[in-house]
Amino acid sequence: MALNPEAVGSKSEPVEVSWTSKDALLYAVGIGAGTGELAFTTENTNRVEQVVFPTFPVVIGWGRGSAIGQIGSFNPAMLVHGQQSVTLHRPIPVEGTATLQSEVVAMYDKGKAAVVVTETTAALDGAPLYTNSGSMFIRGEGGWGGERGPSGPRNEPPDSAPDESVTYQTSPDQALVYRLSGDRNPLHSDPSFAAMGGFDRPILHGLCTYGFTGRALLHALCGSDPARFHHVEGRFTSPVLPGEALTVDMWRVGDGEAVFVTRVDDRPVLDQGLVRFSS
């Protein structure tokens, strides 16, 4: 098995994907929203218009239109999700049909591993809707002599108490709900499969943790208004078990900008976090 560094710049064929109000509602409960967030979890509440969480793009068209097939061959069991960002060009409608296209934008040689960065753009009615960017860390696929890529501290919080801190309790069944939005990897549902990966029981999807985090940022920094939420990025650092509590600590570092860390107790699970919003 070997990666192809020449794949940088390769693009997938454009694909058309659709979502409905029900998809947005299912995602909302998958990231823990409930009766206190009826604008996100219901479509027929009196005088409440349904809206969509800003991190919803990570599940739109799940598994379709990816450029990952362009990078060569590798063992999928050696791949872990490294970083994820979502940039909103406008609020996501509760239903729609968009055109997705993915590109391999970078491939870095870490010696014993490789990092592959892809970017997916979505257009709705001919205009940009959102951009997703993600990096994948693939063990055993480095060593071709390529650039190591960026490293070192990024989006570090100041040495002070956070300006905002939100804690959400995940359910022991959280992964079983979240998986219905697209990611059916048995690592998150099958105890025997999780055991093969060295886990005592199935772990929570990293993007579910990401959704919980975006939910906290939206409510604490944007007054729960998705139109004020423009960009979020972070690095996955540690797995989360369903039933653990997630605490999101936030520090304002400029007008409409904050850094954050998501943790379980004192263990960071999502760091190098940055969010941009209308203040």
Protein backbone atom coordinates (compact mmCIF):
# COMPACT_ATOMS: atom_id res chain seq x y z
CA MET A 1 0.00 0.00 0.00
CA ALA A 2 1.24 3.49 -0.79
CA LEU A 3 -0.04 7.01 -1.06
CA ASN A 4 0.44 9.11 -4.18
CA PRO A 5 1.82 12.57 -3.31
CA GLU A 6 1.03 13.66 -6.87
CA ALA A 7 -2.63 13.54 -5.91
CA VAL A 8 -2.44 17.04 -4.40
CA GLY A 9 -4.71 19.23 -6.50
CA SER A 10 -6.92 16.33 -7.56
CA LYS A 11 -10.66 16.97 -7.42
CA SER A 12 -13.65 14.70 -7.16
CA GLU A 13 -16.46 14.88 -9.64
CA PRO A 14 -19.21 17.27 -8.48
CA VAL A 15 -22.10 15.48 -6.79
CA GLU A 16 -25.58 16.68 -5.94
CA VAL A 17 -26.77 16.09 -2.38
CA SER A 18 -30.03 16.90 -0.66
CA TRP A 19 -31.22 17.20 2.93
CA THR A 20 -34.58 17.73 4.58
CA SER A 21 -35.98 19.29 7.72
CA LYS A 22 -35.97 15.81 9.27
CA ASP A 23 -32.21 15.44 8.62
CA ALA A 24 -31.53 18.71 10.43
CA LEU A 25 -33.74 17.67 13.36
CA LEU A 26 -32.04 14.27 13.64
CA TYR A 27 -28.61 15.92 13.64
CA ALA A 28 -29.73 18.31 16.38
CA VAL A 29 -30.76 15.53 18.77
CA GLY A 30 -27.63 13.61 17.76
CA ILE A 31 -25.50 16.40 19.22
CA GLY A 32 -27.57 16.58 22.38
CA ALA A 33 -30.08 19.36 21.69
CA GLY A 34 -33.43 19.00 23.41
CA THR A 35 -36.53 20.76 24.67
CA GLY A 36 -34.60 23.89 25.56
CA GLU A 37 -33.64 24.35 21.89
CA LEU A 38 -36.95 23.93 20.07
CA ALA A 39 -35.89 26.07 17.11
CA PHE A 40 -33.34 23.34 16.30
CA THR A 41 -35.25 20.25 17.43
CA THR A 42 -38.82 20.90 16.18
CA GLU A 43 -40.41 22.14 12.97
CA ASN A 44 -43.95 22.82 14.23
CA THR A 45 -43.62 24.77 17.47
CA ASN A 46 -45.97 27.75 17.62
CA ARG A 47 -44.20 31.00 16.63
CA VAL A 48 -40.81 29.24 16.42
CA GLU A 49 -39.13 28.95 13.02
CA GLN A 50 -36.84 25.97 12.53
CA VAL A 51 -33.13 26.74 12.12
CA VAL A 52 -30.03 24.59 11.62
CA PHE A 53 -26.90 24.13 13.70
CA PRO A 54 -23.83 25.61 11.95
CA THR A 55 -21.90 22.32 12.19
CA PHE A 56 -24.60 20.44 10.25
CA PRO A 57 -22.47 20.57 7.04
CA VAL A 58 -20.20 17.82 8.40
CA VAL A 59 -23.01 15.30 7.76
CA ILE A 60 -24.55 16.69 4.57
CA GLY A 61 -23.94 14.14 1.82
CA TRP A 62 -22.01 11.90 4.25
CA GLY A 63 -19.59 9.63 2.35
CA ARG A 64 -20.31 11.17 -1.05
CA GLY A 65 -18.13 13.36 -3.23
CA SER A 66 -14.91 12.83 -1.27
CA ALA A 67 -11.53 13.19 -2.97
CA ILE A 68 -9.99 10.63 -0.61
CA GLY A 69 -10.18 8.03 -3.38
CA GLN A 70 -7.59 10.05 -5.32
CA ILE A 71 -4.73 9.70 -2.83
CA GLY A 72 -3.66 6.09 -3.45
CA SER A 73 -4.05 2.95 -1.36
CA PHE A 74 -3.82 2.64 2.42
CA ASN A 75 -5.21 0.59 5.29
CA PRO A 76 -8.37 2.38 6.51
CA ALA A 77 -7.80 0.95 10.00
CA MET A 78 -4.68 3.14 10.24
CA LEU A 79 -6.59 6.37 9.58
CA VAL A 80 -7.72 8.78 12.31
CA HIS A 81 -9.44 12.14 11.97
CA GLY A 82 -6.95 14.91 12.75
CA GLN A 83 -8.56 18.33 12.29
CA GLN A 84 -11.86 19.72 11.07
CA SER A 85 -13.10 23.15 10.06
CA VAL A 86 -16.43 24.48 8.81
CA THR A 87 -16.78 27.89 7.16
CA LEU A 88 -20.33 29.17 6.62
CA HIS A 89 -20.83 31.57 3.72
CA ARG A 90 -24.48 31.97 4.76
CA PRO A 91 -26.86 30.14 7.12
CA ILE A 92 -27.76 26.59 6.15
CA PRO A 93 -31.43 26.28 5.10
CA VAL A 94 -33.53 23.59 6.77
CA GLU A 95 -33.83 21.78 3.45
CA GLY A 96 -32.08 22.07 0.13
CA THR A 97 -30.03 20.56 -2.66
CA ALA A 98 -26.39 21.54 -3.06
CA THR A 99 -23.48 20.61 -5.31
CA LEU A 100 -20.39 19.30 -3.51
CA GLN A 101 -16.85 19.07 -4.85
CA SER A 102 -13.83 17.88 -2.89
CA GLU A 103 -10.12 18.56 -3.50
CA VAL A 104 -6.89 17.14 -2.06
CA VAL A 105 -5.20 20.38 -0.99
CA ALA A 106 -2.11 19.05 0.84
CA MET A 107 -0.22 15.87 1.74
CA TYR A 108 2.49 15.94 4.40
CA ASP A 109 5.19 13.41 5.22
CA LYS A 110 5.49 12.90 8.98
CA GLY A 111 8.02 10.08 8.67
CA LYS A 112 6.08 7.17 10.14
CA ALA A 113 2.76 8.63 9.06
CA ALA A 114 1.13 10.89 6.50
CA VAL A 115 -1.31 13.77 6.88
CA VAL A 116 -3.77 14.35 4.05
CA VAL A 117 -5.84 17.54 3.90
CA THR A 118 -9.02 17.74 1.86
CA GLU A 119 -11.43 20.60 1.26
CA THR A 120 -15.05 20.28 0.21
CA THR A 121 -17.03 23.21 -1.15
CA ALA A 122 -20.82 23.34 -1.38
CA ALA A 123 -22.82 25.58 -3.70
CA LEU A 124 -26.55 26.24 -3.48
CA ASP A 125 -28.36 27.98 -6.34
CA GLY A 126 -24.98 28.73 -7.89
CA ALA A 127 -23.57 30.56 -4.85
CA PRO A 128 -21.19 29.31 -2.11
CA LEU A 129 -22.94 27.85 0.92
CA TYR A 130 -20.17 26.36 3.07
CA THR A 131 -16.62 24.97 2.96
CA ASN A 132 -15.47 21.96 4.98
CA SER A 133 -11.79 21.23 5.50
CA GLY A 134 -10.41 18.16 7.24
CA SER A 135 -7.10 16.45 7.82
CA MET A 136 -6.53 12.72 8.16
CA PHE A 137 -3.57 11.17 9.96
CA ILE A 138 -2.63 7.85 8.34
CA ARG A 139 -0.15 5.74 10.28
CA GLY A 140 2.49 3.81 8.34
CA GLU A 141 2.16 5.86 5.13
CA GLY A 142 4.98 8.43 5.49
CA GLY A 143 8.59 8.27 4.42
CA TRP A 144 8.50 9.44 0.81
CA GLY A 145 10.62 12.54 1.54
CA GLY A 146 7.89 15.13 1.28
CA GLU A 147 7.35 18.30 3.31
CA ARG A 148 6.49 17.77 6.97
CA GLY A 149 3.93 20.55 6.94
CA PRO A 150 2.96 23.04 9.65
CA SER A 151 3.46 22.17 13.31
CA GLY A 152 3.70 23.82 16.70
CA PRO A 153 1.25 25.79 18.85
CA ARG A 154 -1.90 27.16 17.26
CA ASN A 155 -4.97 28.94 18.65
CA GLU A 156 -3.59 28.67 22.17
CA PRO A 157 -5.80 30.05 24.95
CA PRO A 158 -4.39 32.80 27.19
CA ASP A 159 -3.14 31.98 30.67
CA SER A 160 -6.33 33.09 32.35
CA ALA A 161 -9.73 31.78 33.32
CA PRO A 162 -12.08 31.27 30.35
CA ASP A 163 -14.57 34.00 29.52
CA GLU A 164 -17.27 31.39 28.96
CA SER A 165 -17.55 27.74 29.95
CA VAL A 166 -20.38 25.37 29.02
CA THR A 167 -20.76 21.75 30.12
CA TYR A 168 -23.01 19.27 28.32
CA GLN A 169 -23.67 15.73 29.51
CA THR A 170 -23.62 13.16 26.71
CA SER A 171 -25.96 10.19 26.91
CA PRO A 172 -24.72 6.59 27.15
CA ASP A 173 -26.71 6.10 23.93
CA GLN A 174 -25.41 9.27 22.21
CA ALA A 175 -23.47 7.46 19.47
CA LEU A 176 -26.51 5.36 18.55
CA VAL A 177 -28.45 8.52 17.77
CA TYR A 178 -25.60 10.40 16.08
CA ARG A 179 -24.77 7.49 13.74
CA LEU A 180 -28.19 7.88 12.11
CA SER A 181 -26.92 11.10 10.51
CA GLY A 182 -24.56 9.06 8.32
CA ASP A 183 -21.46 7.64 10.00
CA ARG A 184 -22.27 3.95 10.60
CA ASN A 185 -18.69 2.96 11.56
CA PRO A 186 -19.15 0.02 13.99
CA LEU A 187 -16.41 1.48 16.19
CA HIS A 188 -19.21 3.62 17.61
CA SER A 189 -21.82 0.89 18.08
CA ASP A 190 -20.38 -2.65 18.08
CA PRO A 191 -18.63 -3.68 21.34
CA SER A 192 -16.64 -6.45 19.65
CA PHE A 193 -15.39 -4.11 16.91
CA ALA A 194 -14.45 -1.48 19.51
CA ALA A 195 -12.53 -4.15 21.43
CA MET A 196 -10.43 -4.86 18.32
CA GLY A 197 -9.46 -1.19 18.39
CA GLY A 198 -8.38 -1.44 22.02
CA PHE A 199 -11.47 0.17 23.56
CA ASP A 200 -13.52 -1.25 26.43
CA ARG A 201 -16.69 -0.18 24.67
CA PRO A 202 -17.75 1.83 21.59
CA ILE A 203 -16.50 5.42 21.51
CA LEU A 204 -18.33 8.60 20.52
CA HIS A 205 -17.86 9.93 17.00
CA GLY A 206 -15.27 12.72 16.93
CA LEU A 207 -17.67 14.78 14.84
CA CYS A 208 -20.34 14.30 17.49
CA THR A 209 -17.97 15.89 20.02
CA TYR A 210 -17.39 18.57 17.38
CA GLY A 211 -21.15 19.15 17.11
CA PHE A 212 -21.57 19.42 20.89
CA THR A 213 -18.73 21.95 20.84
CA GLY A 214 -20.28 24.01 18.05
CA ARG A 215 -23.58 23.98 19.91
CA ALA A 216 -21.93 25.41 23.03
CA LEU A 217 -20.11 28.08 21.00
CA LEU A 218 -23.32 29.07 19.22
CA HIS A 219 -25.31 29.56 22.41
CA ALA A 220 -22.54 31.20 24.47
CA LEU A 221 -21.05 33.53 21.85
CA CYS A 222 -23.72 34.05 19.18
CA GLY A 223 -26.91 34.39 21.20
CA SER A 224 -28.08 31.09 19.63
CA ASP A 225 -28.32 32.81 16.21
CA PRO A 226 -26.80 30.68 13.41
CA ALA A 227 -26.58 33.76 11.16
CA ARG A 228 -23.88 35.14 13.50
CA PHE A 229 -21.74 31.97 13.37
CA HIS A 230 -19.16 32.05 10.54
CA HIS A 231 -16.28 29.62 11.13
CA VAL A 232 -15.11 26.92 13.53
CA GLU A 233 -11.96 24.76 13.55
CA GLY A 234 -10.31 22.35 15.95
CA ARG A 235 -8.02 19.34 16.39
CA PHE A 236 -9.14 15.99 17.76
CA THR A 237 -6.83 14.87 20.57
CA SER A 238 -8.53 12.12 22.56
CA PRO A 239 -11.56 9.81 22.21
CA VAL A 240 -14.74 10.39 24.19
CA LEU A 241 -16.96 7.66 25.65
CA PRO A 242 -20.74 8.06 25.41
CA GLY A 243 -21.99 9.18 28.82
CA GLU A 244 -19.01 11.44 29.54
CA ALA A 245 -19.53 15.17 30.14
CA LEU A 246 -18.02 17.66 27.69
CA THR A 247 -16.88 21.06 28.92
CA VAL A 248 -16.15 23.78 26.36
CA ASP A 249 -13.92 26.60 27.67
CA MET A 250 -13.84 29.80 25.57
CA TRP A 251 -11.59 32.86 25.57
CA ARG A 252 -12.43 35.97 23.52
CA VAL A 253 -9.26 37.07 21.72
CA GLY A 254 -10.62 39.79 19.45
CA ASP A 255 -13.75 41.33 18.03
CA GLY A 256 -15.78 38.38 16.78
CA GLU A 257 -13.11 35.81 17.51
CA ALA A 258 -12.49 33.32 20.30
CA VAL A 259 -10.30 30.30 20.99
CA PHE A 260 -11.58 27.24 22.80
CA VAL A 261 -10.74 23.84 24.26
CA THR A 262 -13.22 21.00 24.77
CA ARG A 263 -12.35 18.64 27.61
CA VAL A 264 -13.57 15.69 29.64
CA ASP A 265 -12.58 16.58 33.20
CA ASP A 266 -8.95 17.75 32.75
CA ARG A 267 -8.37 15.79 29.52
CA PRO A 268 -8.52 17.85 26.29
CA VAL A 269 -10.48 16.07 23.56
CA LEU A 270 -10.65 18.93 21.03
CA ASP A 271 -8.03 21.68 21.08
CA GLN A 272 -6.46 24.34 18.85
CA GLY A 273 -10.02 25.62 18.58
CA LEU A 274 -10.94 28.85 16.83
CA VAL A 275 -14.40 30.32 16.21
CA ARG A 276 -15.31 33.47 14.25
CA PHE A 277 -18.67 35.13 14.67
CA SER A 278 -20.51 38.42 14.41
CA SER A 279 -20.21 40.17 17.75
